[in-house]
Amino acid sequence: MTALAANRMRHVRNIDGVKDGAITGVDSDEFYTGGMLSLSAAASTVIPSSDTASERGVGVCIERVTTGTSNTTKIRFEWGHEEWFAHTGLAAGQEGKDAVISDDQTVTDAAAASNDVPIGMITEIETIGGVAGAWILVGIFSGTNA
């Protein structure tokens, strides 16, 4: 798939554990509702997720925001619940493993990704509306490992 160009309302479940946060967004970018967000370790800002080295998934954007230059706007996001994302390369039997980011609306596995940016644990592989997808228990990952 390609990166989001509009807001995307997603299927969600198990929302009892949902948490929210806000981190300053990168300068001059578009953030869409339903898009996965990553922490850019180099800049300590959030960015629309992609399969890029040094990114770490932080959650799913909950409001559309356009940032300008010298941005100070915080981007709101959620984690700790399950969301359904389209996938490429996942298969039955991968439940319980980490899903990694392909782009801001698609997950895959470590074999298909180049940089293995985690977003959460695969809880179920399910096709909805003819689209292959997976339920992901959305996690939050800091910019560095311990």
N, C-alpha and C. Protein backbone atom coordinates (compact mmCIF):
# COMPACT_ATOMS: atom_id res chain seq x y z
N MET A 1 0.85 -1.18 0.00
CA MET A 1 0.00 0.00 0.00
C MET A 1 0.89 1.24 0.00
N THR A 2 0.23 2.37 0.01
CA THR A 2 0.97 3.63 0.08
C THR A 2 0.52 4.41 1.31
N ALA A 3 1.26 5.42 1.64
CA ALA A 3 0.96 6.23 2.83
C ALA A 3 -0.42 6.88 2.71
N LEU A 4 -1.04 7.13 3.84
CA LEU A 4 -2.36 7.76 3.87
C LEU A 4 -2.33 9.14 3.25
N ALA A 5 -3.45 9.47 2.59
CA ALA A 5 -3.64 10.80 2.05
C ALA A 5 -4.96 11.39 2.54
N ALA A 6 -5.61 10.68 3.47
CA ALA A 6 -6.87 11.12 4.05
C ALA A 6 -7.05 10.40 5.39
N ASN A 7 -7.97 10.89 6.21
CA ASN A 7 -8.27 10.23 7.47
C ASN A 7 -8.78 8.82 7.21
N ARG A 8 -8.50 7.88 8.12
CA ARG A 8 -8.94 6.49 7.98
C ARG A 8 -9.54 6.05 9.30
N MET A 9 -10.83 5.78 9.29
CA MET A 9 -11.48 5.24 10.48
C MET A 9 -11.24 3.73 10.47
N ARG A 10 -10.79 3.19 11.57
CA ARG A 10 -10.41 1.79 11.66
C ARG A 10 -11.36 0.99 12.53
N HIS A 11 -11.32 -0.33 12.33
CA HIS A 11 -12.00 -1.24 13.24
C HIS A 11 -11.15 -1.30 14.51
N VAL A 12 -11.80 -1.18 15.66
CA VAL A 12 -11.09 -1.25 16.94
C VAL A 12 -11.84 -2.20 17.87
N ARG A 13 -11.13 -2.78 18.81
CA ARG A 13 -11.75 -3.63 19.83
C ARG A 13 -10.86 -3.64 21.07
N ASN A 14 -11.39 -4.19 22.14
CA ASN A 14 -10.66 -4.27 23.41
C ASN A 14 -10.09 -2.91 23.81
N ILE A 15 -10.99 -1.96 23.90
CA ILE A 15 -10.58 -0.57 24.16
C ILE A 15 -10.46 -0.24 25.65
N ASP A 16 -10.75 -1.22 26.52
CA ASP A 16 -10.67 -0.95 27.96
C ASP A 16 -9.29 -0.50 28.40
N GLY A 17 -8.24 -0.96 27.73
CA GLY A 17 -6.88 -0.62 28.13
C GLY A 17 -6.28 0.52 27.34
N VAL A 18 -7.10 1.22 26.54
CA VAL A 18 -6.55 2.27 25.68
C VAL A 18 -5.94 3.40 26.51
N LYS A 19 -4.81 3.86 26.06
CA LYS A 19 -4.10 4.99 26.66
C LYS A 19 -3.91 6.04 25.56
N ASP A 20 -3.66 7.26 25.96
CA ASP A 20 -3.38 8.28 24.95
C ASP A 20 -2.19 9.12 25.38
N GLY A 21 -1.60 9.74 24.40
CA GLY A 21 -0.45 10.60 24.65
C GLY A 21 -0.34 11.65 23.57
N ALA A 22 0.63 12.51 23.69
CA ALA A 22 0.87 13.55 22.71
C ALA A 22 2.36 13.89 22.72
N ILE A 23 2.93 13.94 21.53
CA ILE A 23 4.35 14.28 21.35
C ILE A 23 4.42 15.28 20.19
N THR A 24 5.33 16.23 20.27
CA THR A 24 5.49 17.22 19.22
C THR A 24 5.73 16.54 17.87
N GLY A 25 5.00 17.00 16.86
CA GLY A 25 5.14 16.46 15.51
C GLY A 25 6.30 17.09 14.76
N VAL A 26 6.82 16.35 13.81
CA VAL A 26 7.89 16.84 12.95
C VAL A 26 7.40 18.06 12.16
N ASP A 27 8.28 18.94 11.76
CA ASP A 27 7.93 20.12 10.97
C ASP A 27 7.37 19.74 9.60
N SER A 28 6.43 20.54 9.14
CA SER A 28 5.92 20.53 7.77
C SER A 28 5.49 19.15 7.28
N ASP A 29 4.50 18.57 7.97
CA ASP A 29 4.00 17.26 7.57
C ASP A 29 2.51 17.17 7.82
N GLU A 30 1.88 16.14 7.27
CA GLU A 30 0.46 15.86 7.44
C GLU A 30 0.31 14.62 8.32
N PHE A 31 -0.53 14.71 9.33
CA PHE A 31 -0.85 13.59 10.20
C PHE A 31 -2.33 13.31 10.05
N TYR A 32 -2.68 12.07 9.71
CA TYR A 32 -4.06 11.71 9.46
C TYR A 32 -4.61 10.81 10.56
N THR A 33 -5.87 11.03 10.93
CA THR A 33 -6.57 10.15 11.87
C THR A 33 -6.48 8.73 11.36
N GLY A 34 -6.08 7.80 12.23
CA GLY A 34 -5.98 6.40 11.86
C GLY A 34 -4.63 5.99 11.33
N GLY A 35 -3.73 6.92 11.12
CA GLY A 35 -2.38 6.61 10.65
C GLY A 35 -1.48 6.22 11.80
N MET A 36 -0.62 5.23 11.57
CA MET A 36 0.35 4.87 12.60
C MET A 36 1.40 5.97 12.71
N LEU A 37 1.88 6.16 13.94
CA LEU A 37 2.90 7.17 14.21
C LEU A 37 4.15 6.50 14.76
N SER A 38 5.28 7.08 14.45
CA SER A 38 6.55 6.60 14.98
C SER A 38 7.30 7.74 15.63
N LEU A 39 8.14 7.38 16.59
CA LEU A 39 9.05 8.34 17.20
C LEU A 39 10.31 8.36 16.36
N SER A 40 10.70 9.54 15.95
CA SER A 40 11.97 9.72 15.27
C SER A 40 13.02 9.93 16.34
N ALA A 41 13.84 8.92 16.55
CA ALA A 41 14.84 8.99 17.62
C ALA A 41 15.79 10.16 17.43
N ALA A 42 16.10 10.49 16.20
CA ALA A 42 17.06 11.57 15.92
C ALA A 42 16.51 12.93 16.32
N ALA A 43 15.21 13.15 16.11
CA ALA A 43 14.63 14.46 16.35
C ALA A 43 13.73 14.53 17.58
N SER A 44 13.45 13.39 18.22
CA SER A 44 12.53 13.33 19.36
C SER A 44 11.16 13.92 19.04
N THR A 45 10.69 13.68 17.83
CA THR A 45 9.36 14.10 17.39
C THR A 45 8.65 12.89 16.81
N VAL A 46 7.31 12.99 16.67
CA VAL A 46 6.60 11.93 15.99
C VAL A 46 6.47 12.25 14.51
N ILE A 47 6.41 11.19 13.73
CA ILE A 47 6.29 11.29 12.28
C ILE A 47 5.31 10.22 11.80
N PRO A 48 4.69 10.41 10.62
CA PRO A 48 3.90 9.32 10.07
C PRO A 48 4.82 8.11 9.87
N SER A 49 4.36 6.94 10.30
CA SER A 49 5.21 5.75 10.28
C SER A 49 5.61 5.32 8.88
N SER A 50 6.80 4.74 8.81
CA SER A 50 7.31 4.13 7.58
C SER A 50 8.35 3.10 7.98
N ASP A 51 8.77 2.31 7.04
CA ASP A 51 9.80 1.30 7.28
C ASP A 51 11.17 1.97 7.16
N THR A 52 11.50 2.77 8.18
CA THR A 52 12.72 3.57 8.15
C THR A 52 13.56 3.31 9.41
N ALA A 53 14.85 3.16 9.23
CA ALA A 53 15.76 2.92 10.36
C ALA A 53 15.61 4.02 11.40
N SER A 54 15.78 3.67 12.63
CA SER A 54 15.75 4.53 13.82
C SER A 54 14.36 5.01 14.20
N GLU A 55 13.29 4.51 13.56
CA GLU A 55 11.93 4.82 14.00
C GLU A 55 11.47 3.76 14.99
N ARG A 56 10.54 4.14 15.87
CA ARG A 56 9.88 3.22 16.79
C ARG A 56 8.40 3.58 16.84
N GLY A 57 7.52 2.60 16.69
CA GLY A 57 6.09 2.86 16.73
C GLY A 57 5.65 3.37 18.08
N VAL A 58 4.74 4.37 18.07
CA VAL A 58 4.19 4.89 19.33
C VAL A 58 2.69 4.75 19.42
N GLY A 59 1.99 4.53 18.32
CA GLY A 59 0.55 4.40 18.38
C GLY A 59 -0.13 4.86 17.12
N VAL A 60 -1.42 5.18 17.27
CA VAL A 60 -2.26 5.55 16.14
C VAL A 60 -2.77 6.97 16.34
N CYS A 61 -2.60 7.80 15.33
CA CYS A 61 -3.01 9.21 15.37
C CYS A 61 -4.53 9.31 15.55
N ILE A 62 -4.98 10.21 16.44
CA ILE A 62 -6.42 10.33 16.70
C ILE A 62 -7.03 11.64 16.22
N GLU A 63 -6.24 12.49 15.55
CA GLU A 63 -6.81 13.70 14.94
C GLU A 63 -5.91 14.18 13.82
N ARG A 64 -6.53 14.73 12.79
CA ARG A 64 -5.75 15.23 11.66
C ARG A 64 -5.09 16.55 12.04
N VAL A 65 -3.79 16.64 11.71
CA VAL A 65 -3.02 17.85 12.01
C VAL A 65 -2.07 18.11 10.85
N THR A 66 -1.97 19.36 10.45
CA THR A 66 -0.95 19.79 9.49
C THR A 66 0.03 20.67 10.25
N THR A 67 1.30 20.30 10.22
CA THR A 67 2.30 21.08 10.94
C THR A 67 3.02 22.03 9.98
N GLY A 68 3.50 23.11 10.52
CA GLY A 68 4.26 24.08 9.74
C GLY A 68 5.73 24.04 10.10
N THR A 69 6.45 25.04 9.67
CA THR A 69 7.87 25.12 10.02
C THR A 69 7.99 25.51 11.49
N SER A 70 9.08 25.15 12.12
CA SER A 70 9.30 25.40 13.55
C SER A 70 8.10 24.95 14.38
N ASN A 71 7.61 23.76 14.09
CA ASN A 71 6.39 23.24 14.72
C ASN A 71 6.54 23.04 16.22
N THR A 72 5.48 23.39 16.94
CA THR A 72 5.39 23.10 18.37
C THR A 72 4.09 22.34 18.69
N THR A 73 3.30 22.02 17.67
CA THR A 73 2.02 21.33 17.86
C THR A 73 2.26 19.88 18.27
N LYS A 74 1.56 19.45 19.30
CA LYS A 74 1.65 18.05 19.74
C LYS A 74 0.63 17.21 18.97
N ILE A 75 1.06 16.03 18.57
CA ILE A 75 0.21 15.10 17.83
C ILE A 75 -0.34 14.08 18.82
N ARG A 76 -1.66 13.97 18.88
CA ARG A 76 -2.31 13.06 19.83
C ARG A 76 -2.41 11.66 19.24
N PHE A 77 -2.18 10.65 20.07
CA PHE A 77 -2.22 9.27 19.61
C PHE A 77 -2.71 8.34 20.72
N GLU A 78 -3.10 7.12 20.32
CA GLU A 78 -3.56 6.11 21.26
C GLU A 78 -2.77 4.82 21.09
N TRP A 79 -2.71 4.04 22.18
CA TRP A 79 -2.12 2.71 22.17
C TRP A 79 -2.77 1.90 23.29
N GLY A 80 -2.48 0.61 23.34
CA GLY A 80 -2.99 -0.23 24.42
C GLY A 80 -4.31 -0.91 24.09
N HIS A 81 -4.75 -0.84 22.87
CA HIS A 81 -5.99 -1.45 22.39
C HIS A 81 -5.68 -2.20 21.10
N GLU A 82 -6.67 -2.84 20.52
CA GLU A 82 -6.47 -3.54 19.25
C GLU A 82 -7.08 -2.74 18.11
N GLU A 83 -6.33 -2.65 17.02
CA GLU A 83 -6.83 -2.04 15.79
C GLU A 83 -6.53 -2.99 14.64
N TRP A 84 -7.41 -2.96 13.65
CA TRP A 84 -7.24 -3.80 12.47
C TRP A 84 -6.54 -2.99 11.39
N PHE A 85 -5.44 -3.54 10.87
CA PHE A 85 -4.68 -2.90 9.79
C PHE A 85 -4.56 -3.86 8.62
N ALA A 86 -4.57 -3.32 7.43
CA ALA A 86 -4.26 -4.14 6.26
C ALA A 86 -2.84 -4.67 6.42
N HIS A 87 -2.57 -5.84 5.86
CA HIS A 87 -1.22 -6.39 5.99
C HIS A 87 -0.70 -6.90 4.65
N THR A 88 0.60 -7.03 4.59
CA THR A 88 1.28 -7.71 3.49
C THR A 88 2.22 -8.72 4.12
N GLY A 89 2.15 -9.95 3.68
CA GLY A 89 3.11 -10.95 4.11
C GLY A 89 2.82 -11.69 5.40
N LEU A 90 1.75 -11.36 6.13
CA LEU A 90 1.45 -12.09 7.35
C LEU A 90 0.68 -13.36 7.01
N ALA A 91 0.79 -14.35 7.89
CA ALA A 91 0.11 -15.62 7.67
C ALA A 91 -0.37 -16.19 8.99
N ALA A 92 -1.34 -17.09 8.90
CA ALA A 92 -1.83 -17.78 10.10
C ALA A 92 -0.63 -18.41 10.80
N GLY A 93 -0.66 -18.42 12.11
CA GLY A 93 0.44 -18.95 12.89
C GLY A 93 1.39 -17.88 13.39
N GLN A 94 1.22 -16.63 12.93
CA GLN A 94 2.09 -15.55 13.39
C GLN A 94 1.47 -14.77 14.57
N GLU A 95 0.30 -15.21 15.01
CA GLU A 95 -0.31 -14.57 16.17
C GLU A 95 0.65 -14.68 17.36
N GLY A 96 0.73 -13.62 18.14
CA GLY A 96 1.64 -13.58 19.29
C GLY A 96 3.00 -13.01 18.96
N LYS A 97 3.27 -12.78 17.69
CA LYS A 97 4.54 -12.17 17.28
C LYS A 97 4.33 -10.68 17.04
N ASP A 98 5.42 -9.93 16.99
CA ASP A 98 5.33 -8.50 16.73
C ASP A 98 5.05 -8.23 15.26
N ALA A 99 4.15 -7.29 15.01
CA ALA A 99 3.95 -6.77 13.66
C ALA A 99 4.89 -5.59 13.49
N VAL A 100 5.39 -5.42 12.29
CA VAL A 100 6.24 -4.27 12.01
C VAL A 100 5.58 -3.41 10.94
N ILE A 101 6.01 -2.18 10.87
CA ILE A 101 5.40 -1.17 10.01
C ILE A 101 5.93 -1.27 8.59
N SER A 102 4.98 -1.26 7.64
CA SER A 102 5.34 -1.17 6.23
C SER A 102 5.22 0.30 5.80
N ASP A 103 4.08 0.91 6.12
CA ASP A 103 3.85 2.35 5.96
C ASP A 103 2.84 2.76 7.02
N ASP A 104 2.32 3.97 6.98
CA ASP A 104 1.48 4.44 8.09
C ASP A 104 0.10 3.81 8.15
N GLN A 105 -0.20 2.88 7.22
CA GLN A 105 -1.50 2.19 7.28
C GLN A 105 -1.40 0.69 7.06
N THR A 106 -0.19 0.15 6.95
CA THR A 106 -0.01 -1.26 6.63
C THR A 106 1.05 -1.89 7.53
N VAL A 107 0.77 -3.12 7.99
CA VAL A 107 1.74 -3.87 8.78
C VAL A 107 2.24 -5.06 7.98
N THR A 108 3.38 -5.59 8.41
CA THR A 108 3.98 -6.74 7.77
C THR A 108 4.78 -7.50 8.83
N ASP A 109 5.61 -8.45 8.38
CA ASP A 109 6.46 -9.17 9.32
C ASP A 109 7.92 -8.79 9.08
N ALA A 110 8.78 -9.22 9.97
CA ALA A 110 10.20 -8.85 9.89
C ALA A 110 10.86 -9.36 8.62
N ALA A 111 10.37 -10.47 8.07
CA ALA A 111 10.97 -11.01 6.85
C ALA A 111 10.72 -10.10 5.65
N ALA A 112 9.58 -9.38 5.65
CA ALA A 112 9.24 -8.53 4.51
C ALA A 112 9.72 -7.09 4.68
N ALA A 113 9.96 -6.66 5.91
CA ALA A 113 10.37 -5.28 6.16
C ALA A 113 11.89 -5.16 6.09
N SER A 114 12.36 -3.96 5.86
CA SER A 114 13.80 -3.71 5.83
C SER A 114 14.35 -3.33 7.19
N ASN A 115 13.55 -2.59 7.98
CA ASN A 115 14.07 -2.02 9.23
C ASN A 115 13.37 -2.50 10.49
N ASP A 116 12.35 -3.33 10.37
CA ASP A 116 11.68 -3.95 11.51
C ASP A 116 11.25 -2.96 12.58
N VAL A 117 10.45 -1.96 12.19
CA VAL A 117 9.92 -0.96 13.12
C VAL A 117 8.67 -1.55 13.78
N PRO A 118 8.72 -1.87 15.08
CA PRO A 118 7.57 -2.52 15.72
C PRO A 118 6.41 -1.56 15.97
N ILE A 119 5.18 -2.13 15.90
CA ILE A 119 3.99 -1.34 16.26
C ILE A 119 3.13 -2.07 17.28
N GLY A 120 3.25 -3.39 17.39
CA GLY A 120 2.46 -4.13 18.38
C GLY A 120 2.43 -5.61 18.07
N MET A 121 1.65 -6.33 18.88
CA MET A 121 1.57 -7.78 18.76
C MET A 121 0.38 -8.19 17.90
N ILE A 122 0.61 -9.15 17.02
CA ILE A 122 -0.46 -9.70 16.18
C ILE A 122 -1.34 -10.57 17.06
N THR A 123 -2.65 -10.27 17.12
CA THR A 123 -3.56 -11.08 17.92
C THR A 123 -4.45 -11.97 17.06
N GLU A 124 -4.70 -11.56 15.80
CA GLU A 124 -5.54 -12.36 14.92
C GLU A 124 -5.34 -11.91 13.48
N ILE A 125 -5.30 -12.88 12.57
CA ILE A 125 -5.27 -12.58 11.13
C ILE A 125 -6.72 -12.70 10.65
N GLU A 126 -7.25 -11.66 10.01
CA GLU A 126 -8.65 -11.68 9.58
C GLU A 126 -8.84 -10.83 8.33
N THR A 127 -9.60 -11.35 7.39
CA THR A 127 -9.97 -10.59 6.20
C THR A 127 -11.30 -9.91 6.46
N ILE A 128 -11.36 -8.60 6.24
CA ILE A 128 -12.57 -7.81 6.43
C ILE A 128 -12.85 -7.08 5.13
N GLY A 129 -14.06 -7.25 4.61
CA GLY A 129 -14.44 -6.56 3.38
C GLY A 129 -13.55 -6.91 2.21
N GLY A 130 -13.05 -8.15 2.19
CA GLY A 130 -12.20 -8.60 1.09
C GLY A 130 -10.75 -8.14 1.19
N VAL A 131 -10.38 -7.47 2.29
CA VAL A 131 -9.02 -6.98 2.47
C VAL A 131 -8.33 -7.82 3.54
N ALA A 132 -7.17 -8.36 3.21
CA ALA A 132 -6.39 -9.13 4.18
C ALA A 132 -5.85 -8.19 5.24
N GLY A 133 -6.08 -8.54 6.50
CA GLY A 133 -5.62 -7.68 7.57
C GLY A 133 -5.28 -8.45 8.82
N ALA A 134 -4.90 -7.71 9.84
CA ALA A 134 -4.54 -8.32 11.12
C ALA A 134 -4.95 -7.39 12.25
N TRP A 135 -5.42 -8.01 13.33
CA TRP A 135 -5.68 -7.27 14.56
C TRP A 135 -4.35 -7.14 15.30
N ILE A 136 -4.02 -5.92 15.66
CA ILE A 136 -2.75 -5.61 16.31
C ILE A 136 -3.03 -4.99 17.68
N LEU A 137 -2.44 -5.57 18.72
CA LEU A 137 -2.47 -4.95 20.04
C LEU A 137 -1.40 -3.86 19.99
N VAL A 138 -1.85 -2.63 19.80
CA VAL A 138 -0.95 -1.50 19.54
C VAL A 138 -0.12 -1.22 20.78
N GLY A 139 1.19 -1.21 20.60
CA GLY A 139 2.12 -0.93 21.68
C GLY A 139 2.75 0.44 21.53
N ILE A 140 3.60 0.76 22.46
CA ILE A 140 4.38 2.00 22.38
C ILE A 140 5.82 1.60 22.64
N PHE A 141 6.71 2.08 21.81
CA PHE A 141 8.11 1.69 21.87
C PHE A 141 8.95 2.96 21.96
N SER A 142 9.86 2.99 22.92
CA SER A 142 10.70 4.17 23.08
C SER A 142 11.73 4.24 21.94
N GLY A 143 12.43 5.31 21.87
CA GLY A 143 13.40 5.51 20.80
C GLY A 143 14.63 4.64 20.89
N THR A 144 14.89 4.05 22.04
CA THR A 144 16.09 3.20 22.18
C THR A 144 15.77 1.98 23.02
N ASN A 145 16.50 0.92 22.79
CA ASN A 145 16.36 -0.28 23.59
C ASN A 145 17.16 -0.15 24.86
N ALA A 146 16.76 -0.87 25.90
CA ALA A 146 17.49 -0.85 27.17
C ALA A 146 18.81 -1.61 27.02
